[in-house]
């Protein structure tokens, strides 16, 4: 599902104009990004958490040049779904 499809579905369900819904969805995404950028996790009860994970420094290899290099420690954004979210998907999506 794309952002446009999400906007369309929310617009149909709520009766709001698609442009208004798109603005709301984009503002939501901006706020999540800005919160994570400022070092704050975002918790949405019943849906999940957008969190910052720290990756430790490690040694990598460049196979083509046969050399090693240091990959510095860094932070990455991650999403951890809520238990309700996981259980809903687990119960309703069939295994192929």
N, C-alpha and C. Protein backbone atom coordinates (compact mmCIF):
# COMPACT_ATOMS: atom_id res chain seq x y z
N UNK A 1 0.85 -1.17 0.00
CA UNK A 1 0.00 0.00 0.00
C UNK A 1 0.90 1.24 0.00
N UNK A 2 0.57 2.19 -0.82
CA UNK A 2 1.35 3.41 -0.93
C UNK A 2 0.72 4.53 -0.09
N UNK A 3 1.46 5.62 0.05
CA UNK A 3 0.94 6.78 0.78
C UNK A 3 -0.32 7.30 0.11
N UNK A 4 -0.34 7.33 -1.21
CA UNK A 4 -1.52 7.80 -1.94
C UNK A 4 -2.74 6.93 -1.65
N UNK A 5 -2.54 5.62 -1.56
CA UNK A 5 -3.65 4.71 -1.25
C UNK A 5 -4.14 4.92 0.18
N UNK A 6 -3.22 5.16 1.10
CA UNK A 6 -3.61 5.42 2.49
C UNK A 6 -4.43 6.70 2.55
N UNK A 7 -3.96 7.75 1.88
CA UNK A 7 -4.68 9.02 1.85
C UNK A 7 -6.07 8.83 1.27
N UNK A 8 -6.18 8.08 0.20
CA UNK A 8 -7.47 7.84 -0.44
C UNK A 8 -8.43 7.11 0.49
N UNK A 9 -7.95 6.08 1.17
CA UNK A 9 -8.82 5.31 2.07
C UNK A 9 -9.29 6.15 3.26
N UNK A 10 -8.35 6.93 3.83
CA UNK A 10 -8.74 7.78 4.97
C UNK A 10 -9.73 8.84 4.51
N UNK A 11 -9.51 9.40 3.34
CA UNK A 11 -10.42 10.41 2.79
C UNK A 11 -11.81 9.83 2.59
N UNK A 12 -11.89 8.62 2.04
CA UNK A 12 -13.18 7.97 1.82
C UNK A 12 -13.90 7.69 3.14
N UNK A 13 -13.16 7.22 4.15
CA UNK A 13 -13.77 6.86 5.43
C UNK A 13 -14.18 8.09 6.24
N UNK A 14 -13.39 9.16 6.16
CA UNK A 14 -13.64 10.32 7.01
C UNK A 14 -14.49 11.39 6.35
N UNK A 15 -14.54 11.38 5.01
CA UNK A 15 -15.28 12.41 4.30
C UNK A 15 -14.49 13.70 4.12
N UNK A 16 -13.22 13.68 4.54
CA UNK A 16 -12.36 14.86 4.36
C UNK A 16 -11.80 14.89 2.94
N UNK A 17 -11.41 16.07 2.51
CA UNK A 17 -10.80 16.25 1.21
C UNK A 17 -9.44 15.55 1.17
N UNK A 18 -9.09 14.96 0.03
CA UNK A 18 -7.82 14.24 -0.09
C UNK A 18 -6.62 15.13 0.19
N UNK A 19 -6.69 16.40 -0.22
CA UNK A 19 -5.57 17.31 0.03
C UNK A 19 -5.36 17.55 1.52
N UNK A 20 -6.47 17.66 2.28
CA UNK A 20 -6.37 17.83 3.73
C UNK A 20 -5.77 16.59 4.37
N UNK A 21 -6.23 15.41 3.96
CA UNK A 21 -5.72 14.16 4.51
C UNK A 21 -4.25 13.99 4.17
N UNK A 22 -3.86 14.33 2.95
CA UNK A 22 -2.46 14.21 2.57
C UNK A 22 -1.59 15.13 3.43
N UNK A 23 -2.05 16.32 3.70
CA UNK A 23 -1.32 17.26 4.55
C UNK A 23 -1.17 16.69 5.96
N UNK A 24 -2.24 16.09 6.48
CA UNK A 24 -2.20 15.50 7.82
C UNK A 24 -1.21 14.33 7.86
N UNK A 25 -1.27 13.45 6.87
CA UNK A 25 -0.37 12.29 6.83
C UNK A 25 1.08 12.75 6.72
N UNK A 26 1.35 13.72 5.87
CA UNK A 26 2.72 14.21 5.71
C UNK A 26 3.21 14.92 6.97
N UNK A 27 2.33 15.66 7.65
CA UNK A 27 2.71 16.30 8.91
C UNK A 27 2.98 15.25 9.99
N UNK A 28 2.20 14.18 10.01
CA UNK A 28 2.45 13.09 10.96
C UNK A 28 3.84 12.49 10.73
N UNK A 29 4.15 12.21 9.48
CA UNK A 29 5.45 11.62 9.17
C UNK A 29 6.58 12.58 9.52
N UNK A 30 6.40 13.86 9.25
CA UNK A 30 7.40 14.87 9.60
C UNK A 30 7.63 14.92 11.11
N UNK A 31 6.56 14.85 11.88
CA UNK A 31 6.68 14.90 13.34
C UNK A 31 7.42 13.67 13.88
N UNK A 32 7.14 12.50 13.30
CA UNK A 32 7.86 11.29 13.72
C UNK A 32 9.35 11.44 13.42
N UNK A 33 9.66 11.91 12.22
CA UNK A 33 11.06 12.10 11.82
C UNK A 33 11.74 13.12 12.72
N UNK A 34 11.08 14.26 12.97
CA UNK A 34 11.68 15.29 13.81
C UNK A 34 11.89 14.82 15.24
N UNK A 35 10.95 14.05 15.77
CA UNK A 35 11.12 13.52 17.13
C UNK A 35 12.31 12.59 17.21
N UNK A 36 12.44 11.69 16.24
CA UNK A 36 13.57 10.78 16.22
C UNK A 36 14.87 11.53 16.02
N UNK A 37 14.85 12.55 15.16
CA UNK A 37 16.04 13.36 14.92
C UNK A 37 16.49 14.06 16.20
N UNK A 38 15.52 14.44 17.06
CA UNK A 38 15.83 15.10 18.33
C UNK A 38 16.15 14.10 19.45
N UNK A 39 16.18 12.81 19.11
CA UNK A 39 16.53 11.79 20.09
C UNK A 39 15.37 11.29 20.92
N UNK A 40 14.15 11.60 20.53
CA UNK A 40 12.97 11.16 21.27
C UNK A 40 12.26 10.04 20.53
N UNK A 41 11.94 8.97 21.24
CA UNK A 41 11.16 7.89 20.65
C UNK A 41 9.70 8.32 20.56
N UNK A 42 8.94 7.68 19.66
CA UNK A 42 7.51 7.98 19.48
C UNK A 42 6.73 6.71 19.80
N UNK A 43 5.82 6.81 20.80
CA UNK A 43 5.04 5.66 21.24
C UNK A 43 3.58 5.87 20.87
N UNK A 44 3.02 4.96 20.08
CA UNK A 44 1.61 5.01 19.69
C UNK A 44 0.93 3.76 20.25
N UNK A 45 0.24 3.95 21.36
CA UNK A 45 -0.38 2.82 22.07
C UNK A 45 -1.31 2.04 21.14
N UNK A 46 -1.14 0.72 21.12
CA UNK A 46 -1.96 -0.15 20.29
C UNK A 46 -1.47 -0.28 18.86
N UNK A 47 -0.47 0.51 18.48
CA UNK A 47 0.08 0.44 17.12
C UNK A 47 1.54 0.02 17.15
N UNK A 48 2.37 0.79 17.86
CA UNK A 48 3.78 0.44 17.95
C UNK A 48 4.62 1.64 18.32
N UNK A 49 5.93 1.44 18.28
CA UNK A 49 6.87 2.49 18.68
C UNK A 49 7.90 2.70 17.59
N UNK A 50 8.16 3.97 17.30
CA UNK A 50 9.27 4.34 16.44
C UNK A 50 10.42 4.66 17.39
N UNK A 51 11.49 3.89 17.31
CA UNK A 51 12.58 4.03 18.28
C UNK A 51 13.90 4.21 17.56
N UNK A 52 14.89 4.66 18.33
CA UNK A 52 16.24 4.82 17.81
C UNK A 52 17.07 3.66 18.36
N UNK A 53 17.68 2.90 17.46
CA UNK A 53 18.57 1.81 17.86
C UNK A 53 20.01 2.23 17.59
N UNK A 54 20.90 1.86 18.50
CA UNK A 54 22.31 2.16 18.32
C UNK A 54 23.02 0.91 17.85
N UNK A 55 23.73 1.04 16.76
CA UNK A 55 24.54 -0.05 16.22
C UNK A 55 25.98 0.16 16.70
N UNK A 56 26.58 -0.88 17.23
CA UNK A 56 27.95 -0.79 17.74
C UNK A 56 28.95 -0.70 16.59
N UNK A 57 30.13 -0.21 16.92
CA UNK A 57 31.20 -0.18 15.92
C UNK A 57 31.58 -1.61 15.58
N UNK A 58 31.91 -1.84 14.32
CA UNK A 58 32.30 -3.19 13.91
C UNK A 58 33.31 -3.11 12.77
N UNK A 59 33.93 -4.23 12.52
CA UNK A 59 34.90 -4.33 11.44
C UNK A 59 34.23 -4.97 10.24
N UNK A 60 34.36 -4.32 9.08
CA UNK A 60 33.80 -4.86 7.84
C UNK A 60 34.91 -5.20 6.88
N UNK A 61 34.56 -5.84 5.79
CA UNK A 61 35.55 -6.23 4.79
C UNK A 61 35.12 -5.75 3.41
N UNK A 62 36.09 -5.22 2.68
CA UNK A 62 35.88 -4.89 1.28
C UNK A 62 36.45 -6.07 0.50
N UNK A 63 35.59 -6.93 0.01
CA UNK A 63 36.02 -8.18 -0.62
C UNK A 63 36.80 -7.91 -1.90
N UNK A 64 36.40 -6.91 -2.67
CA UNK A 64 37.08 -6.68 -3.95
C UNK A 64 38.53 -6.21 -3.76
N UNK A 65 38.80 -5.47 -2.69
CA UNK A 65 40.17 -4.99 -2.43
C UNK A 65 40.88 -5.81 -1.37
N UNK A 66 40.16 -6.75 -0.75
CA UNK A 66 40.69 -7.61 0.29
C UNK A 66 41.26 -6.79 1.44
N UNK A 67 40.49 -5.80 1.90
CA UNK A 67 40.92 -4.96 3.01
C UNK A 67 39.83 -4.93 4.08
N UNK A 68 40.23 -4.55 5.28
CA UNK A 68 39.26 -4.40 6.36
C UNK A 68 39.04 -2.90 6.59
N UNK A 69 37.88 -2.58 7.12
CA UNK A 69 37.59 -1.20 7.44
C UNK A 69 36.71 -1.16 8.67
N UNK A 70 36.80 -0.06 9.39
CA UNK A 70 35.99 0.13 10.59
C UNK A 70 34.68 0.81 10.21
N UNK A 71 33.59 0.21 10.64
CA UNK A 71 32.28 0.82 10.47
C UNK A 71 31.95 1.45 11.82
N UNK A 72 31.85 2.77 11.89
CA UNK A 72 31.65 3.43 13.18
C UNK A 72 30.27 3.14 13.78
N UNK A 73 30.16 3.32 15.09
CA UNK A 73 28.87 3.18 15.76
C UNK A 73 27.93 4.24 15.20
N UNK A 74 26.67 3.88 15.05
CA UNK A 74 25.69 4.82 14.50
C UNK A 74 24.29 4.46 14.98
N UNK A 75 23.40 5.43 14.86
CA UNK A 75 21.99 5.24 15.24
C UNK A 75 21.15 5.03 13.99
N UNK A 76 20.14 4.17 14.12
CA UNK A 76 19.21 3.95 13.02
C UNK A 76 17.78 3.98 13.57
N UNK A 77 16.82 4.44 12.75
CA UNK A 77 15.42 4.38 13.19
C UNK A 77 14.89 2.96 13.03
N UNK A 78 13.99 2.59 13.91
CA UNK A 78 13.38 1.26 13.84
C UNK A 78 11.92 1.37 14.28
N UNK A 79 11.12 0.40 13.88
CA UNK A 79 9.72 0.33 14.29
C UNK A 79 9.50 -0.97 15.02
N UNK A 80 8.91 -0.89 16.20
CA UNK A 80 8.58 -2.08 16.98
C UNK A 80 7.06 -2.12 17.13
N UNK A 81 6.39 -3.07 16.47
CA UNK A 81 4.93 -3.12 16.55
C UNK A 81 4.44 -3.52 17.94
N UNK A 82 3.27 -3.02 18.31
CA UNK A 82 2.65 -3.37 19.59
C UNK A 82 2.15 -4.80 19.53
N UNK A 83 1.98 -5.41 20.70
CA UNK A 83 1.52 -6.80 20.78
C UNK A 83 0.17 -6.97 20.09
N UNK A 84 -0.73 -6.01 20.26
CA UNK A 84 -2.05 -6.07 19.62
C UNK A 84 -1.89 -6.10 18.10
N UNK A 85 -0.99 -5.27 17.59
CA UNK A 85 -0.70 -5.19 16.15
C UNK A 85 -0.20 -6.55 15.66
N UNK A 86 0.80 -7.09 16.36
CA UNK A 86 1.39 -8.37 15.97
C UNK A 86 0.35 -9.49 15.99
N UNK A 87 -0.45 -9.53 17.05
CA UNK A 87 -1.46 -10.59 17.18
C UNK A 87 -2.51 -10.49 16.09
N UNK A 88 -2.91 -9.27 15.73
CA UNK A 88 -3.92 -9.07 14.68
C UNK A 88 -3.41 -9.59 13.35
N UNK A 89 -2.17 -9.25 13.01
CA UNK A 89 -1.59 -9.71 11.75
C UNK A 89 -1.41 -11.22 11.78
N UNK A 90 -0.92 -11.73 12.89
CA UNK A 90 -0.67 -13.16 13.01
C UNK A 90 -1.96 -13.97 12.86
N UNK A 91 -3.06 -13.45 13.42
CA UNK A 91 -4.33 -14.18 13.38
C UNK A 91 -5.06 -14.05 12.05
N UNK A 92 -4.80 -13.00 11.28
CA UNK A 92 -5.59 -12.73 10.09
C UNK A 92 -4.87 -12.94 8.76
N UNK A 93 -3.57 -13.08 8.77
CA UNK A 93 -2.84 -13.28 7.52
C UNK A 93 -2.42 -14.74 7.45
N UNK A 94 -2.84 -15.40 6.38
CA UNK A 94 -2.53 -16.83 6.23
C UNK A 94 -1.10 -17.03 5.74
N UNK A 95 -0.50 -18.10 6.20
CA UNK A 95 0.85 -18.47 5.79
C UNK A 95 0.79 -19.05 4.39
N UNK A 96 1.68 -18.61 3.54
CA UNK A 96 1.68 -19.13 2.15
C UNK A 96 2.22 -20.53 2.08
